Amino acid sequence: MAHWLLTYDLAADYLDRRTAFRDEHLTLAREAAARGALLLGGALDPPEQALLLFHGDTPAAAEAFAAADPYVANGLIARWSVRQWITVVGEAAANPL
């Protein structure tokens, strides 16, 4: 298993527009967390980016999340990307040293 970071670059009007899509977005996130795919998620401060940490053999769960996310579909996310995070220290590290 590996860790995958889904990075969202938030649109300039993200805070103004998110309310209409927030419940659906959070439902999607809670479902992914209940399946064990999503470990953590949230926006950075200031809210220019958001990070979601996924766990799995491939980036498929993170990519599927972004594809289904109403924030992405409705333009609240300017860009998104998924990258493997090689975790080596800590209880949940995927590649402990």
N, C-alpha and C. Protein backbone atom coordinates (compact mmCIF):
# COMPACT_ATOMS: atom_id res chain seq x y z
N MET A 1 0.84 -1.18 0.00
CA MET A 1 0.00 0.00 0.00
C MET A 1 0.89 1.25 0.00
N ALA A 2 0.35 2.29 -0.57
CA ALA A 2 1.08 3.55 -0.69
C ALA A 2 0.17 4.70 -0.29
N HIS A 3 0.77 5.86 -0.11
CA HIS A 3 0.02 7.08 0.15
C HIS A 3 0.01 7.93 -1.13
N TRP A 4 -1.13 8.56 -1.37
CA TRP A 4 -1.33 9.40 -2.55
C TRP A 4 -1.90 10.73 -2.10
N LEU A 5 -1.29 11.83 -2.53
CA LEU A 5 -1.77 13.17 -2.21
C LEU A 5 -2.54 13.73 -3.40
N LEU A 6 -3.80 14.02 -3.16
CA LEU A 6 -4.62 14.74 -4.14
C LEU A 6 -4.53 16.20 -3.75
N THR A 7 -3.96 17.01 -4.63
CA THR A 7 -3.79 18.43 -4.39
C THR A 7 -4.76 19.21 -5.24
N TYR A 8 -5.52 20.06 -4.60
CA TYR A 8 -6.45 20.96 -5.29
C TYR A 8 -5.90 22.37 -5.24
N ASP A 9 -5.81 23.04 -6.38
CA ASP A 9 -5.58 24.48 -6.43
C ASP A 9 -6.96 25.11 -6.51
N LEU A 10 -7.30 25.89 -5.49
CA LEU A 10 -8.65 26.43 -5.37
C LEU A 10 -8.84 27.66 -6.26
N ALA A 11 -10.01 27.78 -6.85
CA ALA A 11 -10.36 28.94 -7.66
C ALA A 11 -10.43 30.17 -6.76
N ALA A 12 -10.23 31.33 -7.35
CA ALA A 12 -10.22 32.59 -6.58
C ALA A 12 -11.53 32.82 -5.83
N ASP A 13 -12.65 32.35 -6.40
CA ASP A 13 -13.95 32.55 -5.76
C ASP A 13 -14.43 31.32 -4.98
N TYR A 14 -13.52 30.44 -4.62
CA TYR A 14 -13.85 29.20 -3.93
C TYR A 14 -14.70 29.45 -2.68
N LEU A 15 -14.26 30.34 -1.80
CA LEU A 15 -14.99 30.57 -0.55
C LEU A 15 -16.40 31.12 -0.80
N ASP A 16 -16.55 31.92 -1.84
CA ASP A 16 -17.85 32.51 -2.14
C ASP A 16 -18.83 31.48 -2.70
N ARG A 17 -18.33 30.45 -3.38
CA ARG A 17 -19.20 29.52 -4.10
C ARG A 17 -19.33 28.13 -3.49
N ARG A 18 -18.52 27.80 -2.51
CA ARG A 18 -18.49 26.41 -2.03
C ARG A 18 -19.75 25.96 -1.31
N THR A 19 -20.48 26.87 -0.70
CA THR A 19 -21.65 26.50 0.10
C THR A 19 -22.64 25.65 -0.69
N ALA A 20 -22.86 25.98 -1.94
CA ALA A 20 -23.84 25.26 -2.76
C ALA A 20 -23.45 23.80 -3.00
N PHE A 21 -22.17 23.48 -2.88
CA PHE A 21 -21.67 22.14 -3.21
C PHE A 21 -21.04 21.42 -2.02
N ARG A 22 -20.99 22.09 -0.88
CA ARG A 22 -20.24 21.56 0.26
C ARG A 22 -20.82 20.26 0.81
N ASP A 23 -22.12 20.17 0.97
CA ASP A 23 -22.71 18.94 1.52
C ASP A 23 -22.40 17.73 0.64
N GLU A 24 -22.53 17.90 -0.68
CA GLU A 24 -22.24 16.80 -1.60
C GLU A 24 -20.76 16.43 -1.56
N HIS A 25 -19.90 17.44 -1.50
CA HIS A 25 -18.46 17.21 -1.42
C HIS A 25 -18.11 16.44 -0.14
N LEU A 26 -18.67 16.87 1.00
CA LEU A 26 -18.37 16.22 2.27
C LEU A 26 -18.94 14.81 2.33
N THR A 27 -20.08 14.57 1.71
CA THR A 27 -20.63 13.21 1.64
C THR A 27 -19.68 12.31 0.88
N LEU A 28 -19.19 12.79 -0.25
CA LEU A 28 -18.22 12.03 -1.04
C LEU A 28 -16.97 11.72 -0.21
N ALA A 29 -16.49 12.71 0.53
CA ALA A 29 -15.29 12.54 1.36
C ALA A 29 -15.55 11.54 2.49
N ARG A 30 -16.69 11.65 3.14
CA ARG A 30 -17.00 10.73 4.24
C ARG A 30 -17.14 9.29 3.74
N GLU A 31 -17.72 9.12 2.56
CA GLU A 31 -17.84 7.78 1.98
C GLU A 31 -16.46 7.19 1.66
N ALA A 32 -15.57 8.01 1.12
CA ALA A 32 -14.21 7.55 0.82
C ALA A 32 -13.47 7.21 2.11
N ALA A 33 -13.69 7.99 3.16
CA ALA A 33 -13.06 7.70 4.45
C ALA A 33 -13.62 6.42 5.05
N ALA A 34 -14.91 6.20 4.93
CA ALA A 34 -15.53 4.99 5.48
C ALA A 34 -15.01 3.73 4.78
N ARG A 35 -14.65 3.86 3.49
CA ARG A 35 -14.07 2.73 2.75
C ARG A 35 -12.60 2.51 3.08
N GLY A 36 -12.00 3.47 3.79
CA GLY A 36 -10.59 3.37 4.14
C GLY A 36 -9.65 3.94 3.09
N ALA A 37 -10.20 4.53 2.05
CA ALA A 37 -9.36 5.09 0.98
C ALA A 37 -8.83 6.48 1.35
N LEU A 38 -9.67 7.31 1.94
CA LEU A 38 -9.30 8.68 2.31
C LEU A 38 -8.94 8.71 3.78
N LEU A 39 -7.72 9.15 4.08
CA LEU A 39 -7.25 9.20 5.46
C LEU A 39 -7.45 10.57 6.09
N LEU A 40 -7.16 11.62 5.33
CA LEU A 40 -7.27 13.00 5.81
C LEU A 40 -7.59 13.91 4.65
N GLY A 41 -8.25 15.01 4.93
CA GLY A 41 -8.51 16.00 3.89
C GLY A 41 -8.83 17.34 4.50
N GLY A 42 -8.47 18.40 3.80
CA GLY A 42 -8.80 19.74 4.27
C GLY A 42 -8.06 20.80 3.48
N ALA A 43 -8.50 22.04 3.68
CA ALA A 43 -7.90 23.19 3.00
C ALA A 43 -6.73 23.73 3.81
N LEU A 44 -5.80 24.34 3.12
CA LEU A 44 -4.68 25.03 3.78
C LEU A 44 -5.13 26.44 4.15
N ASP A 45 -4.38 27.07 5.02
CA ASP A 45 -4.69 28.44 5.45
C ASP A 45 -3.51 29.32 5.09
N PRO A 46 -3.68 30.30 4.22
CA PRO A 46 -4.93 30.74 3.61
C PRO A 46 -5.44 29.71 2.60
N PRO A 47 -6.75 29.75 2.32
CA PRO A 47 -7.37 28.72 1.47
C PRO A 47 -7.08 28.89 -0.02
N GLU A 48 -5.84 28.59 -0.40
CA GLU A 48 -5.44 28.62 -1.80
C GLU A 48 -5.32 27.21 -2.37
N GLN A 49 -5.13 26.25 -1.47
CA GLN A 49 -5.01 24.84 -1.86
C GLN A 49 -5.72 23.98 -0.82
N ALA A 50 -6.02 22.76 -1.24
CA ALA A 50 -6.53 21.74 -0.33
C ALA A 50 -5.75 20.46 -0.61
N LEU A 51 -5.58 19.65 0.43
CA LEU A 51 -4.87 18.39 0.31
C LEU A 51 -5.75 17.27 0.84
N LEU A 52 -5.75 16.17 0.12
CA LEU A 52 -6.48 14.98 0.55
C LEU A 52 -5.52 13.81 0.47
N LEU A 53 -5.36 13.09 1.56
CA LEU A 53 -4.43 11.98 1.65
C LEU A 53 -5.17 10.66 1.50
N PHE A 54 -4.81 9.92 0.45
CA PHE A 54 -5.42 8.63 0.16
C PHE A 54 -4.43 7.51 0.42
N HIS A 55 -4.96 6.31 0.61
CA HIS A 55 -4.16 5.12 0.88
C HIS A 55 -4.63 4.03 -0.07
N GLY A 56 -3.71 3.41 -0.80
CA GLY A 56 -4.08 2.33 -1.69
C GLY A 56 -2.91 1.86 -2.53
N ASP A 57 -3.15 0.84 -3.32
CA ASP A 57 -2.09 0.30 -4.18
C ASP A 57 -1.79 1.18 -5.39
N THR A 58 -2.80 1.93 -5.83
CA THR A 58 -2.67 2.79 -7.01
C THR A 58 -3.32 4.13 -6.71
N PRO A 59 -3.13 5.12 -7.57
CA PRO A 59 -3.78 6.42 -7.37
C PRO A 59 -5.25 6.43 -7.77
N ALA A 60 -5.81 5.29 -8.13
CA ALA A 60 -7.16 5.24 -8.69
C ALA A 60 -8.22 5.85 -7.77
N ALA A 61 -8.16 5.61 -6.48
CA ALA A 61 -9.18 6.15 -5.57
C ALA A 61 -9.12 7.67 -5.52
N ALA A 62 -7.93 8.23 -5.50
CA ALA A 62 -7.79 9.69 -5.49
C ALA A 62 -8.28 10.29 -6.80
N GLU A 63 -7.93 9.66 -7.90
CA GLU A 63 -8.37 10.15 -9.21
C GLU A 63 -9.88 10.05 -9.36
N ALA A 64 -10.46 8.95 -8.88
CA ALA A 64 -11.92 8.78 -8.96
C ALA A 64 -12.63 9.80 -8.08
N PHE A 65 -12.04 10.11 -6.93
CA PHE A 65 -12.62 11.12 -6.05
C PHE A 65 -12.69 12.46 -6.78
N ALA A 66 -11.58 12.88 -7.37
CA ALA A 66 -11.56 14.16 -8.08
C ALA A 66 -12.56 14.16 -9.24
N ALA A 67 -12.66 13.06 -9.95
CA ALA A 67 -13.58 12.97 -11.09
C ALA A 67 -15.03 13.10 -10.65
N ALA A 68 -15.34 12.67 -9.43
CA ALA A 68 -16.72 12.70 -8.93
C ALA A 68 -17.03 13.92 -8.07
N ASP A 69 -16.02 14.70 -7.73
CA ASP A 69 -16.18 15.79 -6.78
C ASP A 69 -16.94 16.97 -7.41
N PRO A 70 -18.03 17.41 -6.78
CA PRO A 70 -18.77 18.56 -7.30
C PRO A 70 -17.95 19.85 -7.29
N TYR A 71 -16.96 19.94 -6.43
CA TYR A 71 -16.09 21.11 -6.46
C TYR A 71 -15.34 21.18 -7.79
N VAL A 72 -14.86 20.04 -8.26
CA VAL A 72 -14.16 19.99 -9.55
C VAL A 72 -15.14 20.26 -10.69
N ALA A 73 -16.26 19.56 -10.67
CA ALA A 73 -17.25 19.67 -11.76
C ALA A 73 -17.81 21.07 -11.91
N ASN A 74 -17.84 21.84 -10.82
CA ASN A 74 -18.44 23.17 -10.86
C ASN A 74 -17.43 24.30 -10.83
N GLY A 75 -16.16 23.98 -11.11
CA GLY A 75 -15.15 25.01 -11.29
C GLY A 75 -14.59 25.64 -10.03
N LEU A 76 -14.82 25.04 -8.87
CA LEU A 76 -14.22 25.57 -7.65
C LEU A 76 -12.76 25.18 -7.53
N ILE A 77 -12.37 24.18 -8.31
CA ILE A 77 -10.98 23.71 -8.34
C ILE A 77 -10.37 24.12 -9.68
N ALA A 78 -9.35 24.97 -9.62
CA ALA A 78 -8.71 25.45 -10.84
C ALA A 78 -7.88 24.33 -11.49
N ARG A 79 -7.17 23.55 -10.66
CA ARG A 79 -6.34 22.44 -11.13
C ARG A 79 -6.26 21.42 -10.01
N TRP A 80 -6.07 20.16 -10.40
CA TRP A 80 -5.82 19.13 -9.39
C TRP A 80 -4.77 18.17 -9.92
N SER A 81 -4.09 17.52 -9.00
CA SER A 81 -3.09 16.52 -9.36
C SER A 81 -3.00 15.47 -8.27
N VAL A 82 -2.53 14.30 -8.64
CA VAL A 82 -2.30 13.21 -7.70
C VAL A 82 -0.84 12.80 -7.81
N ARG A 83 -0.18 12.73 -6.67
CA ARG A 83 1.22 12.31 -6.62
C ARG A 83 1.41 11.33 -5.48
N GLN A 84 2.30 10.38 -5.69
CA GLN A 84 2.62 9.46 -4.61
C GLN A 84 3.47 10.18 -3.57
N TRP A 85 3.14 9.94 -2.32
CA TRP A 85 3.90 10.50 -1.20
C TRP A 85 4.61 9.34 -0.54
N ILE A 86 5.92 9.34 -0.60
CA ILE A 86 6.73 8.26 -0.04
C ILE A 86 6.89 8.54 1.46
N THR A 87 6.01 8.00 2.27
CA THR A 87 6.05 8.23 3.72
C THR A 87 6.99 7.22 4.36
N VAL A 88 7.90 7.71 5.22
CA VAL A 88 8.93 6.84 5.79
C VAL A 88 9.00 6.90 7.32
N VAL A 89 8.39 7.89 7.93
CA VAL A 89 8.46 8.03 9.39
C VAL A 89 7.04 8.21 9.93
N GLY A 90 6.79 7.57 11.03
CA GLY A 90 5.50 7.67 11.69
C GLY A 90 4.76 6.35 11.67
N GLU A 91 3.81 6.22 12.57
CA GLU A 91 3.08 4.97 12.75
C GLU A 91 2.39 4.51 11.47
N ALA A 92 1.90 5.42 10.66
CA ALA A 92 1.17 5.06 9.44
C ALA A 92 2.02 5.09 8.18
N ALA A 93 3.34 5.23 8.32
CA ALA A 93 4.22 5.30 7.14
C ALA A 93 4.06 4.07 6.27
N ALA A 94 3.98 4.29 4.97
CA ALA A 94 3.83 3.19 4.01
C ALA A 94 5.16 2.50 3.73
N ASN A 95 6.26 3.23 3.91
CA ASN A 95 7.60 2.69 3.67
C ASN A 95 8.50 2.99 4.87
N PRO A 96 8.20 2.43 6.03
CA PRO A 96 8.95 2.80 7.22
C PRO A 96 10.45 2.46 7.13
N LEU A 97 11.25 3.36 7.63
CA LEU A 97 12.71 3.16 7.69
C LEU A 97 13.16 3.03 9.12
